Amino acid sequence: MAWQLESFDELRLAHRELKAMGVPIESAIEHNVTRSIYFPDPDGNRVELYCDMVDNGFEAMRTVGPRRDPLNLD
């Protein structure tokens, strides 16, 4: 399950709030077209919060390719 946020600022805020609540963040990833954080829900399912970084993600993926770099949100 994934939820799209409106902006990178909202993703940063969500990251801070999750950490303040003690939710373990599994990873924060830069994907070229999105930025994402992954964490477990209360049942242990992996969930994602993300924000788009470009208007046309499919076109960007065709031209720049995939990316999976660590994202520093602290």
PDB file of N, CA and C in Angstrom:
ATOM      1  N   MET A   1       0.843  -1.161   0.000  1.00  0.00           N
ATOM      2  CA  MET A   1       0.000   0.000   0.000  1.00  0.00           C
ATOM      3  C   MET A   1       0.894   1.232   0.000  1.00  0.00           C
ATOM      4  N   ALA A   2       0.509   2.220  -0.777  1.00  0.00           N
ATOM      5  CA  ALA A   2       1.283   3.460  -0.845  1.00  0.00           C
ATOM      6  C   ALA A   2       0.334   4.641  -0.838  1.00  0.00           C
ATOM      7  N   TRP A   3       0.787   5.727  -0.229  1.00  0.00           N
ATOM      8  CA  TRP A   3       0.012   6.971  -0.206  1.00  0.00           C
ATOM      9  C   TRP A   3       0.861   8.077  -0.803  1.00  0.00           C
ATOM     10  N   GLN A   4       0.269   8.808  -1.730  1.00  0.00           N
ATOM     11  CA  GLN A   4       0.963   9.922  -2.359  1.00  0.00           C
ATOM     12  C   GLN A   4       0.733  11.192  -1.554  1.00  0.00           C
ATOM     13  N   LEU A   5       1.817  11.899  -1.263  1.00  0.00           N
ATOM     14  CA  LEU A   5       1.741  13.196  -0.611  1.00  0.00           C
ATOM     15  C   LEU A   5       1.922  14.284  -1.665  1.00  0.00           C
ATOM     16  N   GLU A   6       1.557  15.493  -1.326  1.00  0.00           N
ATOM     17  CA  GLU A   6       1.547  16.585  -2.298  1.00  0.00           C
ATOM     18  C   GLU A   6       2.923  17.152  -2.626  1.00  0.00           C
ATOM     19  N   SER A   7       3.872  17.043  -1.689  1.00  0.00           N
ATOM     20  CA  SER A   7       5.156  17.700  -1.908  1.00  0.00           C
ATOM     21  C   SER A   7       6.255  17.017  -1.093  1.00  0.00           C
ATOM     22  N   PHE A   8       7.483  17.362  -1.441  1.00  0.00           N
ATOM     23  CA  PHE A   8       8.627  16.863  -0.690  1.00  0.00           C
ATOM     24  C   PHE A   8       8.603  17.391   0.739  1.00  0.00           C
ATOM     25  N   ASP A   9       8.150  18.617   0.937  1.00  0.00           N
ATOM     26  CA  ASP A   9       8.031  19.161   2.296  1.00  0.00           C
ATOM     27  C   ASP A   9       7.073  18.319   3.137  1.00  0.00           C
ATOM     28  N   GLU A  10       5.958  17.885   2.545  1.00  0.00           N
ATOM     29  CA  GLU A  10       5.019  17.018   3.280  1.00  0.00           C
ATOM     30  C   GLU A  10       5.656  15.675   3.609  1.00  0.00           C
ATOM     31  N   LEU A  11       6.466  15.150   2.696  1.00  0.00           N
ATOM     32  CA  LEU A  11       7.155  13.886   2.963  1.00  0.00           C
ATOM     33  C   LEU A  11       8.130  14.046   4.127  1.00  0.00           C
ATOM     34  N   ARG A  12       8.871  15.138   4.145  1.00  0.00           N
ATOM     35  CA  ARG A  12       9.785  15.414   5.270  1.00  0.00           C
ATOM     36  C   ARG A  12       9.027  15.511   6.592  1.00  0.00           C
ATOM     37  N   LEU A  13       7.907  16.217   6.582  1.00  0.00           N
ATOM     38  CA  LEU A  13       7.096  16.355   7.794  1.00  0.00           C
ATOM     39  C   LEU A  13       6.582  14.995   8.258  1.00  0.00           C
ATOM     40  N   ALA A  14       6.087  14.194   7.334  1.00  0.00           N
ATOM     41  CA  ALA A  14       5.592  12.856   7.690  1.00  0.00           C
ATOM     42  C   ALA A  14       6.718  12.013   8.281  1.00  0.00           C
ATOM     43  N   HIS A  15       7.902  12.113   7.707  1.00  0.00           N
ATOM     44  CA  HIS A  15       9.058  11.375   8.215  1.00  0.00           C
ATOM     45  C   HIS A  15       9.358  11.773   9.661  1.00  0.00           C
ATOM     46  N   ARG A  16       9.364  13.072   9.927  1.00  0.00           N
ATOM     47  CA  ARG A  16       9.594  13.553  11.303  1.00  0.00           C
ATOM     48  C   ARG A  16       8.521  13.051  12.263  1.00  0.00           C
ATOM     49  N   GLU A  17       7.265  13.103  11.831  1.00  0.00           N
ATOM     50  CA  GLU A  17       6.164  12.663  12.689  1.00  0.00           C
ATOM     51  C   GLU A  17       6.237  11.164  12.969  1.00  0.00           C
ATOM     52  N   LEU A  18       6.546  10.381  11.962  1.00  0.00           N
ATOM     53  CA  LEU A  18       6.677   8.933  12.170  1.00  0.00           C
ATOM     54  C   LEU A  18       7.797   8.627  13.150  1.00  0.00           C
ATOM     55  N   LYS A  19       8.943   9.280  12.978  1.00  0.00           N
ATOM     56  CA  LYS A  19      10.054   9.063  13.900  1.00  0.00           C
ATOM     57  C   LYS A  19       9.696   9.489  15.322  1.00  0.00           C
ATOM     58  N   ALA A  20       8.983  10.597  15.458  1.00  0.00           N
ATOM     59  CA  ALA A  20       8.582  11.077  16.787  1.00  0.00           C
ATOM     60  C   ALA A  20       7.649  10.086  17.470  1.00  0.00           C
ATOM     61  N   MET A  21       6.869   9.356  16.696  1.00  0.00           N
ATOM     62  CA  MET A  21       5.953   8.344  17.242  1.00  0.00           C
ATOM     63  C   MET A  21       6.643   7.005  17.465  1.00  0.00           C
ATOM     64  N   GLY A  22       7.916   6.916  17.096  1.00  0.00           N
ATOM     65  CA  GLY A  22       8.660   5.673  17.301  1.00  0.00           C
ATOM     66  C   GLY A  22       8.466   4.636  16.211  1.00  0.00           C
ATOM     67  N   VAL A  23       7.922   5.046  15.069  1.00  0.00           N
ATOM     68  CA  VAL A  23       7.734   4.116  13.956  1.00  0.00           C
ATOM     69  C   VAL A  23       9.088   3.894  13.289  1.00  0.00           C
ATOM     70  N   PRO A  24       9.511   2.637  13.144  1.00  0.00           N
ATOM     71  CA  PRO A  24      10.807   2.384  12.506  1.00  0.00           C
ATOM     72  C   PRO A  24      10.727   2.634  11.000  1.00  0.00           C
ATOM     73  N   ILE A  25      11.615   3.466  10.492  1.00  0.00           N
ATOM     74  CA  ILE A  25      11.690   3.738   9.062  1.00  0.00           C
ATOM     75  C   ILE A  25      12.644   2.717   8.454  1.00  0.00           C
ATOM     76  N   GLU A  26      12.134   1.889   7.547  1.00  0.00           N
ATOM     77  CA  GLU A  26      12.976   0.868   6.917  1.00  0.00           C
ATOM     78  C   GLU A  26      13.938   1.481   5.909  1.00  0.00           C
ATOM     79  N   SER A  27      13.442   2.439   5.106  1.00  0.00           N
ATOM     80  CA  SER A  27      14.313   3.080   4.130  1.00  0.00           C
ATOM     81  C   SER A  27      13.672   4.364   3.609  1.00  0.00           C
ATOM     82  N   ALA A  28      14.524   5.235   3.121  1.00  0.00           N
ATOM     83  CA  ALA A  28      14.121   6.462   2.433  1.00  0.00           C
ATOM     84  C   ALA A  28      14.898   6.465   1.125  1.00  0.00           C
ATOM     85  N   ILE A  29      14.175   6.531  -0.004  1.00  0.00           N
ATOM     86  CA  ILE A  29      14.783   6.279  -1.314  1.00  0.00           C
ATOM     87  C   ILE A  29      14.453   7.393  -2.305  1.00  0.00           C
ATOM     88  N   GLU A  30      15.460   7.774  -3.074  1.00  0.00           N
ATOM     89  CA  GLU A  30      15.320   8.672  -4.229  1.00  0.00           C
ATOM     90  C   GLU A  30      15.176   7.776  -5.458  1.00  0.00           C
ATOM     91  N   HIS A  31      14.042   7.880  -6.161  1.00  0.00           N
ATOM     92  CA  HIS A  31      13.763   7.014  -7.314  1.00  0.00           C
ATOM     93  C   HIS A  31      13.764   7.773  -8.644  1.00  0.00           C
ATOM     94  N   ASN A  32      14.386   8.908  -8.751  1.00  0.00           N
ATOM     95  CA  ASN A  32      14.347   9.768  -9.941  1.00  0.00           C
ATOM     96  C   ASN A  32      13.010  10.471 -10.092  1.00  0.00           C
ATOM     97  N   VAL A  33      11.929   9.736 -10.182  1.00  0.00           N
ATOM     98  CA  VAL A  33      10.619  10.350 -10.408  1.00  0.00           C
ATOM     99  C   VAL A  33       9.832  10.551  -9.117  1.00  0.00           C
ATOM    100  N   THR A  34      10.200   9.814  -8.077  1.00  0.00           N
ATOM    101  CA  THR A  34       9.554   9.956  -6.771  1.00  0.00           C
ATOM    102  C   THR A  34      10.616   9.936  -5.676  1.00  0.00           C
ATOM    103  N   ARG A  35      10.216  10.386  -4.506  1.00  0.00           N
ATOM    104  CA  ARG A  35      10.985  10.202  -3.280  1.00  0.00           C
ATOM    105  C   ARG A  35      10.060   9.473  -2.329  1.00  0.00           C
ATOM    106  N   SER A  36      10.579   8.452  -1.640  1.00  0.00           N
ATOM    107  CA  SER A  36       9.727   7.554  -0.872  1.00  0.00           C
ATOM    108  C   SER A  36      10.320   7.220   0.484  1.00  0.00           C
ATOM    109  N   ILE A  37       9.432   6.981   1.446  1.00  0.00           N
ATOM    110  CA  ILE A  37       9.840   6.372   2.708  1.00  0.00           C
ATOM    111  C   ILE A  37       8.998   5.116   2.895  1.00  0.00           C
ATOM    112  N   TYR A  38       9.637   4.091   3.462  1.00  0.00           N
ATOM    113  CA  TYR A  38       8.999   2.800   3.678  1.00  0.00           C
ATOM    114  C   TYR A  38       9.066   2.467   5.164  1.00  0.00           C
ATOM    115  N   PHE A  39       7.970   1.928   5.679  1.00  0.00           N
ATOM    116  CA  PHE A  39       7.899   1.588   7.100  1.00  0.00           C
ATOM    117  C   PHE A  39       6.819   0.533   7.293  1.00  0.00           C
ATOM    118  N   PRO A  40       6.857  -0.201   8.414  1.00  0.00           N
ATOM    119  CA  PRO A  40       5.834  -1.219   8.657  1.00  0.00           C
ATOM    120  C   PRO A  40       4.584  -0.611   9.282  1.00  0.00           C
ATOM    121  N   ASP A  41       3.422  -1.130   8.874  1.00  0.00           N
ATOM    122  CA  ASP A  41       2.187  -0.740   9.550  1.00  0.00           C
ATOM    123  C   ASP A  41       2.075  -1.567  10.836  1.00  0.00           C
ATOM    124  N   PRO A  42       1.060  -1.358  11.670  1.00  0.00           N
ATOM    125  CA  PRO A  42       0.965  -2.096  12.935  1.00  0.00           C
ATOM    126  C   PRO A  42       0.907  -3.619  12.779  1.00  0.00           C
ATOM    127  N   ASP A  43       0.496  -4.100  11.591  1.00  0.00           N
ATOM    128  CA  ASP A  43       0.450  -5.548  11.354  1.00  0.00           C
ATOM    129  C   ASP A  43       1.727  -6.080  10.729  1.00  0.00           C
ATOM    130  N   GLY A  44       2.714  -5.215  10.519  1.00  0.00           N
ATOM    131  CA  GLY A  44       3.974  -5.633   9.946  1.00  0.00           C
ATOM    132  C   GLY A  44       4.050  -5.563   8.430  1.00  0.00           C
ATOM    133  N   ASN A  45       3.004  -5.074   7.778  1.00  0.00           N
ATOM    134  CA  ASN A  45       3.027  -4.909   6.329  1.00  0.00           C
ATOM    135  C   ASN A  45       3.874  -3.691   5.960  1.00  0.00           C
ATOM    136  N   ARG A  46       4.647  -3.814   4.896  1.00  0.00           N
ATOM    137  CA  ARG A  46       5.466  -2.682   4.443  1.00  0.00           C
ATOM    138  C   ARG A  46       4.591  -1.709   3.664  1.00  0.00           C
ATOM    139  N   VAL A  47       4.622  -0.447   4.069  1.00  0.00           N
ATOM    140  CA  VAL A  47       3.851   0.591   3.402  1.00  0.00           C
ATOM    141  C   VAL A  47       4.785   1.717   2.969  1.00  0.00           C
ATOM    142  N   GLU A  48       4.272   2.562   2.077  1.00  0.00           N
ATOM    143  CA  GLU A  48       5.089   3.621   1.490  1.00  0.00           C
ATOM    144  C   GLU A  48       4.349   4.949   1.509  1.00  0.00           C
ATOM    145  N   LEU A  49       5.073   6.000   1.817  1.00  0.00           N
ATOM    146  CA  LEU A  49       4.628   7.371   1.574  1.00  0.00           C
ATOM    147  C   LEU A  49       5.571   7.919   0.517  1.00  0.00           C
ATOM    148  N   TYR A  50       5.022   8.609  -0.491  1.00  0.00           N
ATOM    149  CA  TYR A  50       5.883   9.125  -1.546  1.00  0.00           C
ATOM    150  C   TYR A  50       5.351  10.445  -2.078  1.00  0.00           C
ATOM    151  N   CYS A  51       6.227  11.153  -2.779  1.00  0.00           N
ATOM    152  CA  CYS A  51       5.829  12.353  -3.508  1.00  0.00           C
ATOM    153  C   CYS A  51       6.467  12.299  -4.889  1.00  0.00           C
ATOM    154  N   ASP A  52       5.739  12.756  -5.878  1.00  0.00           N
ATOM    155  CA  ASP A  52       6.263  12.843  -7.239  1.00  0.00           C
ATOM    156  C   ASP A  52       7.255  13.991  -7.327  1.00  0.00           C
ATOM    157  N   MET A  53       8.283  13.810  -8.143  1.00  0.00           N
ATOM    158  CA  MET A  53       9.290  14.845  -8.317  1.00  0.00           C
ATOM    159  C   MET A  53       9.289  15.416  -9.729  1.00  0.00           C
ATOM    160  N   VAL A  54       8.532  14.811 -10.633  1.00  0.00           N
ATOM    161  CA  VAL A  54       8.415  15.292 -12.013  1.00  0.00           C
ATOM    162  C   VAL A  54       6.955  15.171 -12.432  1.00  0.00           C
ATOM    163  N   ASP A  55       6.580  15.896 -13.462  1.00  0.00           N
ATOM    164  CA  ASP A  55       5.194  15.847 -13.940  1.00  0.00           C
ATOM    165  C   ASP A  55       4.883  14.573 -14.702  1.00  0.00           C
ATOM    166  N   ASN A  56       5.794  14.114 -15.537  1.00  0.00           N
ATOM    167  CA  ASN A  56       5.550  12.930 -16.347  1.00  0.00           C
ATOM    168  C   ASN A  56       6.568  11.855 -15.983  1.00  0.00           C
ATOM    169  N   GLY A  57       6.227  11.060 -14.997  1.00  0.00           N
ATOM    170  CA  GLY A  57       7.146  10.053 -14.495  1.00  0.00           C
ATOM    171  C   GLY A  57       7.536   9.004 -15.510  1.00  0.00           C
ATOM    172  N   PHE A  58       6.577   8.567 -16.342  1.00  0.00           N
ATOM    173  CA  PHE A  58       6.899   7.542 -17.332  1.00  0.00           C
ATOM    174  C   PHE A  58       7.912   8.055 -18.348  1.00  0.00           C
ATOM    175  N   GLU A  59       7.767   9.281 -18.792  1.00  0.00           N
ATOM    176  CA  GLU A  59       8.723   9.858 -19.738  1.00  0.00           C
ATOM    177  C   GLU A  59      10.096  10.016 -19.081  1.00  0.00           C
ATOM    178  N   ALA A  60      10.114  10.456 -17.849  1.00  0.00           N
ATOM    179  CA  ALA A  60      11.389  10.602 -17.142  1.00  0.00           C
ATOM    180  C   ALA A  60      12.082   9.250 -16.996  1.00  0.00           C
ATOM    181  N   MET A  61      11.347   8.206 -16.686  1.00  0.00           N
ATOM    182  CA  MET A  61      11.946   6.880 -16.556  1.00  0.00           C
ATOM    183  C   MET A  61      12.529   6.401 -17.885  1.00  0.00           C
ATOM    184  N   ARG A  62      11.871   6.747 -18.997  1.00  0.00           N
ATOM    185  CA  ARG A  62      12.388   6.357 -20.316  1.00  0.00           C
ATOM    186  C   ARG A  62      13.693   7.099 -20.642  1.00  0.00           C
ATOM    187  N   THR A  63      13.833   8.331 -20.178  1.00  0.00           N
ATOM    188  CA  THR A  63      15.004   9.128 -20.550  1.00  0.00           C
ATOM    189  C   THR A  63      16.149   9.035 -19.543  1.00  0.00           C
ATOM    190  N   VAL A  64      15.862   9.006 -18.268  1.00  0.00           N
ATOM    191  CA  VAL A  64      16.937   8.976 -17.267  1.00  0.00           C
ATOM    192  C   VAL A  64      17.093   7.621 -16.600  1.00  0.00           C
ATOM    193  N   GLY A  65      16.123   6.749 -16.757  1.00  0.00           N
ATOM    194  CA  GLY A  65      16.217   5.409 -16.196  1.00  0.00           C
ATOM    195  C   GLY A  65      15.900   5.357 -14.715  1.00  0.00           C
ATOM    196  N   PRO A  66      15.918   4.150 -14.171  1.00  0.00           N
ATOM    197  CA  PRO A  66      15.600   3.985 -12.757  1.00  0.00           C
ATOM    198  C   PRO A  66      16.745   4.429 -11.853  1.00  0.00           C
ATOM    199  N   ARG A  67      16.391   4.693 -10.632  1.00  0.00           N
ATOM    200  CA  ARG A  67      17.373   5.105  -9.624  1.00  0.00           C
ATOM    201  C   ARG A  67      16.879   4.596  -8.275  1.00  0.00           C
ATOM    202  N   ARG A  68      17.792   4.223  -7.415  1.00  0.00           N
ATOM    203  CA  ARG A  68      17.440   3.759  -6.075  1.00  0.00           C
ATOM    204  C   ARG A  68      18.557   4.171  -5.117  1.00  0.00           C
ATOM    205  N   ASP A  69      18.628   5.474  -4.872  1.00  0.00           N
ATOM    206  CA  ASP A  69      19.663   6.021  -4.005  1.00  0.00           C
ATOM    207  C   ASP A  69      19.079   6.347  -2.630  1.00  0.00           C
ATOM    208  N   PRO A  70      19.894   6.225  -1.591  1.00  0.00           N
ATOM    209  CA  PRO A  70      19.426   6.617  -0.260  1.00  0.00           C
ATOM    210  C   PRO A  70      19.023   8.101  -0.246  1.00  0.00           C
ATOM    211  N   LEU A  71      17.998   8.400   0.503  1.00  0.00           N
ATOM    212  CA  LEU A  71      17.478   9.763   0.633  1.00  0.00           C
ATOM    213  C   LEU A  71      17.617  10.185   2.083  1.00  0.00           C
ATOM    214  N   ASN A  72      18.319  11.265   2.333  1.00  0.00           N
ATOM    215  CA  ASN A  72      18.502  11.762   3.697  1.00  0.00           C
ATOM    216  C   ASN A  72      17.384  12.755   4.019  1.00  0.00           C
ATOM    217  N   LEU A  73      16.545  12.429   4.971  1.00  0.00           N
ATOM    218  CA  LEU A  73      15.445  13.301   5.378  1.00  0.00           C
ATOM    219  C   LEU A  73      15.669  13.942   6.741  1.00  0.00           C
ATOM    220  N   ASP A  74      16.792  13.639   7.368  1.00  0.00           N
ATOM    221  CA  ASP A  74      17.080  14.211   8.694  1.00  0.00           C
ATOM    222  C   ASP A  74      17.676  15.588   8.602  1.00  0.00           C
TER     223      ASP A  74
END
